[in-house]
Amino acid sequence: MPKMKTHKGIAKRFSKTGSGGIKFKHPNLRHCLEHKRKTQKNTLQKTGYLQGQDAKNIARLLG
C-alpha cells in the first residue's frame, strides 16, 4: 500500500490543532477593506474552525 501524500494546496490553507481540529484563516481580508464594516473585518480576523464532514475530508487530505 503506497503512502498517503499531503495535498499541498490544502496544507497551505489549513492546519491541525493539538486536539485534532482543523483551523483556517478567513478569506476576504486582503484588499478593498475601506468598503467593509469594522465588525465584519474584526470577525474575519478571527481563526475559523471546520466542523462535521468538511473537517473529516480536510483531515484526510492533510495526511
PDB file of N, CA and C in Angstrom:
ATOM      1  N   MET A   1       0.843  -1.185   0.000  1.00  0.00           N
ATOM      2  CA  MET A   1       0.000   0.000   0.000  1.00  0.00           C
ATOM      3  C   MET A   1       0.888   1.248   0.000  1.00  0.00           C
ATOM      4  N   PRO A   2       0.725   2.166  -0.966  1.00  0.00           N
ATOM      5  CA  PRO A   2       1.575   3.351  -1.003  1.00  0.00           C
ATOM      6  C   PRO A   2       1.208   4.346   0.105  1.00  0.00           C
ATOM      7  N   LYS A   3       2.156   5.200   0.396  1.00  0.00           N
ATOM      8  CA  LYS A   3       1.920   6.214   1.411  1.00  0.00           C
ATOM      9  C   LYS A   3       0.913   7.242   0.911  1.00  0.00           C
ATOM     10  N   MET A   4       0.167   7.821   1.846  1.00  0.00           N
ATOM     11  CA  MET A   4      -0.796   8.875   1.523  1.00  0.00           C
ATOM     12  C   MET A   4      -0.048  10.198   1.447  1.00  0.00           C
ATOM     13  N   LYS A   5      -0.130  10.874   0.300  1.00  0.00           N
ATOM     14  CA  LYS A   5       0.576  12.136   0.137  1.00  0.00           C
ATOM     15  C   LYS A   5      -0.271  13.298   0.639  1.00  0.00           C
ATOM     16  N   THR A   6       0.401  14.319   1.157  1.00  0.00           N
ATOM     17  CA  THR A   6      -0.269  15.530   1.615  1.00  0.00           C
ATOM     18  C   THR A   6      -0.657  16.374   0.412  1.00  0.00           C
ATOM     19  N   HIS A   7      -1.877  16.873   0.406  1.00  0.00           N
ATOM     20  CA  HIS A   7      -2.334  17.784  -0.649  1.00  0.00           C
ATOM     21  C   HIS A   7      -1.777  19.169  -0.314  1.00  0.00           C
ATOM     22  N   LYS A   8      -0.821  19.653  -1.113  1.00  0.00           N
ATOM     23  CA  LYS A   8      -0.083  20.867  -0.771  1.00  0.00           C
ATOM     24  C   LYS A   8      -0.956  22.114  -0.783  1.00  0.00           C
ATOM     25  N   GLY A   9      -1.976  22.155  -1.644  1.00  0.00           N
ATOM     26  CA  GLY A   9      -2.880  23.302  -1.644  1.00  0.00           C
ATOM     27  C   GLY A   9      -3.667  23.394  -0.351  1.00  0.00           C
ATOM     28  N   ILE A  10      -4.056  22.239   0.187  1.00  0.00           N
ATOM     29  CA  ILE A  10      -4.783  22.199   1.459  1.00  0.00           C
ATOM     30  C   ILE A  10      -3.838  22.527   2.610  1.00  0.00           C
ATOM     31  N   ALA A  11      -2.607  22.037   2.541  1.00  0.00           N
ATOM     32  CA  ALA A  11      -1.644  22.255   3.625  1.00  0.00           C
ATOM     33  C   ALA A  11      -1.309  23.732   3.798  1.00  0.00           C
ATOM     34  N   LYS A  12      -1.412  24.519   2.723  1.00  0.00           N
ATOM     35  CA  LYS A  12      -1.127  25.948   2.817  1.00  0.00           C
ATOM     36  C   LYS A  12      -2.277  26.725   3.441  1.00  0.00           C
ATOM     37  N   ARG A  13      -3.474  26.145   3.435  1.00  0.00           N
ATOM     38  CA  ARG A  13      -4.658  26.890   3.876  1.00  0.00           C
ATOM     39  C   ARG A  13      -5.227  26.419   5.206  1.00  0.00           C
ATOM     40  N   PHE A  14      -4.935  25.189   5.589  1.00  0.00           N
ATOM     41  CA  PHE A  14      -5.487  24.613   6.807  1.00  0.00           C
ATOM     42  C   PHE A  14      -4.372  24.029   7.654  1.00  0.00           C
ATOM     43  N   SER A  15      -4.613  23.912   8.961  1.00  0.00           N
ATOM     44  CA  SER A  15      -3.657  23.250   9.840  1.00  0.00           C
ATOM     45  C   SER A  15      -4.423  22.553  10.956  1.00  0.00           C
ATOM     46  N   LYS A  16      -3.785  21.534  11.532  1.00  0.00           N
ATOM     47  CA  LYS A  16      -4.405  20.777  12.608  1.00  0.00           C
ATOM     48  C   LYS A  16      -4.063  21.408  13.949  1.00  0.00           C
ATOM     49  N   THR A  17      -5.028  21.383  14.866  1.00  0.00           N
ATOM     50  CA  THR A  17      -4.799  21.851  16.223  1.00  0.00           C
ATOM     51  C   THR A  17      -4.281  20.693  17.062  1.00  0.00           C
ATOM     52  N   GLY A  18      -3.898  20.984  18.278  1.00  0.00           N
ATOM     53  CA  GLY A  18      -3.388  19.945  19.154  1.00  0.00           C
ATOM     54  C   GLY A  18      -4.416  18.891  19.487  1.00  0.00           C
ATOM     55  N   SER A  19      -5.686  19.290  19.541  1.00  0.00           N
ATOM     56  CA  SER A  19      -6.751  18.340  19.879  1.00  0.00           C
ATOM     57  C   SER A  19      -7.328  17.653  18.648  1.00  0.00           C
ATOM     58  N   GLY A  20      -6.776  17.930  17.465  1.00  0.00           N
ATOM     59  CA  GLY A  20      -7.214  17.243  16.261  1.00  0.00           C
ATOM     60  C   GLY A  20      -8.187  18.010  15.399  1.00  0.00           C
ATOM     61  N   GLY A  21      -8.537  19.234  15.781  1.00  0.00           N
ATOM     62  CA  GLY A  21      -9.438  20.037  14.963  1.00  0.00           C
ATOM     63  C   GLY A  21      -8.717  20.627  13.763  1.00  0.00           C
ATOM     64  N   ILE A  22      -9.474  21.256  12.877  1.00  0.00           N
ATOM     65  CA  ILE A  22      -8.914  21.886  11.688  1.00  0.00           C
ATOM     66  C   ILE A  22      -9.192  23.375  11.767  1.00  0.00           C
ATOM     67  N   LYS A  23      -8.132  24.180  11.702  1.00  0.00           N
ATOM     68  CA  LYS A  23      -8.316  25.628  11.742  1.00  0.00           C
ATOM     69  C   LYS A  23      -7.883  26.244  10.418  1.00  0.00           C
ATOM     70  N   PHE A  24      -8.448  27.429  10.133  1.00  0.00           N
ATOM     71  CA  PHE A  24      -8.150  28.120   8.890  1.00  0.00           C
ATOM     72  C   PHE A  24      -8.295  29.618   9.097  1.00  0.00           C
ATOM     73  N   LYS A  25      -7.747  30.374   8.164  1.00  0.00           N
ATOM     74  CA  LYS A  25      -7.870  31.828   8.196  1.00  0.00           C
ATOM     75  C   LYS A  25      -8.965  32.231   7.224  1.00  0.00           C
ATOM     76  N   HIS A  26      -9.826  33.137   7.667  1.00  0.00           N
ATOM     77  CA  HIS A  26     -10.944  33.579   6.833  1.00  0.00           C
ATOM     78  C   HIS A  26     -10.441  34.342   5.607  1.00  0.00           C
ATOM     79  N   PRO A  27     -11.115  34.193   4.474  1.00  0.00           N
ATOM     80  CA  PRO A  27     -10.758  34.970   3.278  1.00  0.00           C
ATOM     81  C   PRO A  27     -11.359  36.380   3.335  1.00  0.00           C
ATOM     82  N   ASN A  28     -11.139  37.156   2.276  1.00  0.00           N
ATOM     83  CA  ASN A  28     -11.722  38.494   2.084  1.00  0.00           C
ATOM     84  C   ASN A  28     -11.159  39.542   3.025  1.00  0.00           C
ATOM     85  N   LEU A  29      -9.885  39.431   3.394  1.00  0.00           N
ATOM     86  CA  LEU A  29      -9.288  40.435   4.263  1.00  0.00           C
ATOM     87  C   LEU A  29      -7.971  40.949   3.671  1.00  0.00           C
ATOM     88  N   ARG A  30      -7.861  40.954   2.341  1.00  0.00           N
ATOM     89  CA  ARG A  30      -6.612  41.350   1.688  1.00  0.00           C
ATOM     90  C   ARG A  30      -6.697  42.735   1.043  1.00  0.00           C
ATOM     91  N   HIS A  31      -7.829  43.062   0.439  1.00  0.00           N
ATOM     92  CA  HIS A  31      -7.947  44.354  -0.244  1.00  0.00           C
ATOM     93  C   HIS A  31      -9.402  44.798  -0.214  1.00  0.00           C
ATOM     94  N   CYS A  32      -9.650  46.021  -0.648  1.00  0.00           N
ATOM     95  CA  CYS A  32     -10.992  46.632  -0.624  1.00  0.00           C
ATOM     96  C   CYS A  32     -11.540  46.675   0.797  1.00  0.00           C
ATOM     97  N   LEU A  33     -10.694  47.009   1.751  1.00  0.00           N
ATOM     98  CA  LEU A  33     -11.114  46.988   3.150  1.00  0.00           C
ATOM     99  C   LEU A  33     -11.890  48.240   3.545  1.00  0.00           C
ATOM    100  N   GLU A  34     -11.782  49.311   2.759  1.00  0.00           N
ATOM    101  CA  GLU A  34     -12.479  50.544   3.137  1.00  0.00           C
ATOM    102  C   GLU A  34     -13.982  50.427   2.942  1.00  0.00           C
ATOM    103  N   HIS A  35     -14.424  49.421   2.178  1.00  0.00           N
ATOM    104  CA  HIS A  35     -15.855  49.249   1.937  1.00  0.00           C
ATOM    105  C   HIS A  35     -16.495  48.257   2.900  1.00  0.00           C
ATOM    106  N   LYS A  36     -15.691  47.602   3.733  1.00  0.00           N
ATOM    107  CA  LYS A  36     -16.227  46.622   4.668  1.00  0.00           C
ATOM    108  C   LYS A  36     -16.429  47.280   6.034  1.00  0.00           C
ATOM    109  N   ARG A  37     -17.461  46.827   6.737  1.00  0.00           N
ATOM    110  CA  ARG A  37     -17.724  47.349   8.080  1.00  0.00           C
ATOM    111  C   ARG A  37     -16.639  46.871   9.041  1.00  0.00           C
ATOM    112  N   LYS A  38     -16.446  47.642  10.112  1.00  0.00           N
ATOM    113  CA  LYS A  38     -15.427  47.296  11.094  1.00  0.00           C
ATOM    114  C   LYS A  38     -15.754  45.974  11.781  1.00  0.00           C
ATOM    115  N   THR A  39     -17.032  45.730  12.040  1.00  0.00           N
ATOM    116  CA  THR A  39     -17.413  44.472  12.680  1.00  0.00           C
ATOM    117  C   THR A  39     -17.127  43.276  11.778  1.00  0.00           C
ATOM    118  N   GLN A  40     -17.314  43.456  10.477  1.00  0.00           N
ATOM    119  CA  GLN A  40     -17.021  42.370   9.542  1.00  0.00           C
ATOM    120  C   GLN A  40     -15.527  42.091   9.509  1.00  0.00           C
ATOM    121  N   LYS A  41     -14.715  43.138   9.510  1.00  0.00           N
ATOM    122  CA  LYS A  41     -13.263  42.944   9.481  1.00  0.00           C
ATOM    123  C   LYS A  41     -12.773  42.287  10.763  1.00  0.00           C
ATOM    124  N   ASN A  42     -13.361  42.645  11.888  1.00  0.00           N
ATOM    125  CA  ASN A  42     -12.979  42.014  13.156  1.00  0.00           C
ATOM    126  C   ASN A  42     -13.340  40.541  13.162  1.00  0.00           C
ATOM    127  N   THR A  43     -14.481  40.204  12.595  1.00  0.00           N
ATOM    128  CA  THR A  43     -14.897  38.812  12.525  1.00  0.00           C
ATOM    129  C   THR A  43     -13.982  38.012  11.612  1.00  0.00           C
ATOM    130  N   LEU A  44     -13.569  38.607  10.501  1.00  0.00           N
ATOM    131  CA  LEU A  44     -12.707  37.906   9.551  1.00  0.00           C
ATOM    132  C   LEU A  44     -11.300  37.696  10.099  1.00  0.00           C
ATOM    133  N   GLN A  45     -10.881  38.513  11.071  1.00  0.00           N
ATOM    134  CA  GLN A  45      -9.548  38.365  11.649  1.00  0.00           C
ATOM    135  C   GLN A  45      -9.436  37.123  12.517  1.00  0.00           C
ATOM    136  N   LYS A  46     -10.563  36.667  13.061  1.00  0.00           N
ATOM    137  CA  LYS A  46     -10.535  35.544  13.994  1.00  0.00           C
ATOM    138  C   LYS A  46     -10.288  34.228  13.255  1.00  0.00           C
ATOM    139  N   THR A  47      -9.726  33.277  13.960  1.00  0.00           N
ATOM    140  CA  THR A  47      -9.459  31.965  13.391  1.00  0.00           C
ATOM    141  C   THR A  47     -10.760  31.198  13.233  1.00  0.00           C
ATOM    142  N   GLY A  48     -10.916  30.537  12.093  1.00  0.00           N
ATOM    143  CA  GLY A  48     -12.090  29.708  11.857  1.00  0.00           C
ATOM    144  C   GLY A  48     -11.766  28.249  12.106  1.00  0.00           C
ATOM    145  N   TYR A  49     -12.786  27.491  12.492  1.00  0.00           N
ATOM    146  CA  TYR A  49     -12.625  26.070  12.758  1.00  0.00           C
ATOM    147  C   TYR A  49     -13.657  25.285  11.947  1.00  0.00           C
ATOM    148  N   LEU A  50     -13.201  24.247  11.275  1.00  0.00           N
ATOM    149  CA  LEU A  50     -14.103  23.409  10.495  1.00  0.00           C
ATOM    150  C   LEU A  50     -14.789  22.401  11.401  1.00  0.00           C
ATOM    151  N   GLN A  51     -16.009  22.012  11.007  1.00  0.00           N
ATOM    152  CA  GLN A  51     -16.750  21.020  11.768  1.00  0.00           C
ATOM    153  C   GLN A  51     -17.410  20.044  10.812  1.00  0.00           C
ATOM    154  N   GLY A  52     -17.750  18.899  11.323  1.00  0.00           N
ATOM    155  CA  GLY A  52     -18.520  17.926  10.563  1.00  0.00           C
ATOM    156  C   GLY A  52     -17.727  17.244   9.460  1.00  0.00           C
ATOM    157  N   GLN A  53     -18.421  16.973   8.360  1.00  0.00           N
ATOM    158  CA  GLN A  53     -17.822  16.226   7.261  1.00  0.00           C
ATOM    159  C   GLN A  53     -16.705  17.010   6.582  1.00  0.00           C
ATOM    160  N   ASP A  54     -16.800  18.345   6.563  1.00  0.00           N
ATOM    161  CA  ASP A  54     -15.723  19.151   5.981  1.00  0.00           C
ATOM    162  C   ASP A  54     -14.404  18.895   6.698  1.00  0.00           C
ATOM    163  N   ALA A  55     -14.449  18.840   8.023  1.00  0.00           N
ATOM    164  CA  ALA A  55     -13.237  18.612   8.800  1.00  0.00           C
ATOM    165  C   ALA A  55     -12.651  17.232   8.506  1.00  0.00           C
ATOM    166  N   LYS A  56     -13.508  16.240   8.331  1.00  0.00           N
ATOM    167  CA  LYS A  56     -13.027  14.887   8.041  1.00  0.00           C
ATOM    168  C   LYS A  56     -12.343  14.835   6.678  1.00  0.00           C
ATOM    169  N   ASN A  57     -12.941  15.490   5.688  1.00  0.00           N
ATOM    170  CA  ASN A  57     -12.358  15.479   4.346  1.00  0.00           C
ATOM    171  C   ASN A  57     -11.006  16.199   4.324  1.00  0.00           C
ATOM    172  N   ILE A  58     -10.915  17.346   4.976  1.00  0.00           N
ATOM    173  CA  ILE A  58      -9.666  18.108   5.002  1.00  0.00           C
ATOM    174  C   ILE A  58      -8.595  17.343   5.781  1.00  0.00           C
ATOM    175  N   ALA A  59      -8.971  16.710   6.889  1.00  0.00           N
ATOM    176  CA  ALA A  59      -8.010  15.937   7.671  1.00  0.00           C
ATOM    177  C   ALA A  59      -7.423  14.801   6.848  1.00  0.00           C
ATOM    178  N   ARG A  60      -8.234  14.181   5.999  1.00  0.00           N
ATOM    179  CA  ARG A  60      -7.731  13.103   5.144  1.00  0.00           C
ATOM    180  C   ARG A  60      -6.724  13.640   4.140  1.00  0.00           C
ATOM    181  N   LEU A  61      -6.980  14.845   3.597  1.00  0.00           N
ATOM    182  CA  LEU A  61      -6.057  15.425   2.620  1.00  0.00           C
ATOM    183  C   LEU A  61      -4.783  15.947   3.262  1.00  0.00           C
ATOM    184  N   LEU A  62      -4.843  16.296   4.564  1.00  0.00           N
ATOM    185  CA  LEU A  62      -3.636  16.759   5.244  1.00  0.00           C
ATOM    186  C   LEU A  62      -2.680  15.602   5.540  1.00  0.00           C
ATOM    187  N   GLY A  63      -3.198  14.407   5.590  1.00  0.00           N
ATOM    188  CA  GLY A  63      -2.339  13.256   5.804  1.00  0.00           C
ATOM    189  C   GLY A  63      -1.996  12.990   7.236  1.00  0.00           C
TER     190      GLY A  63
END
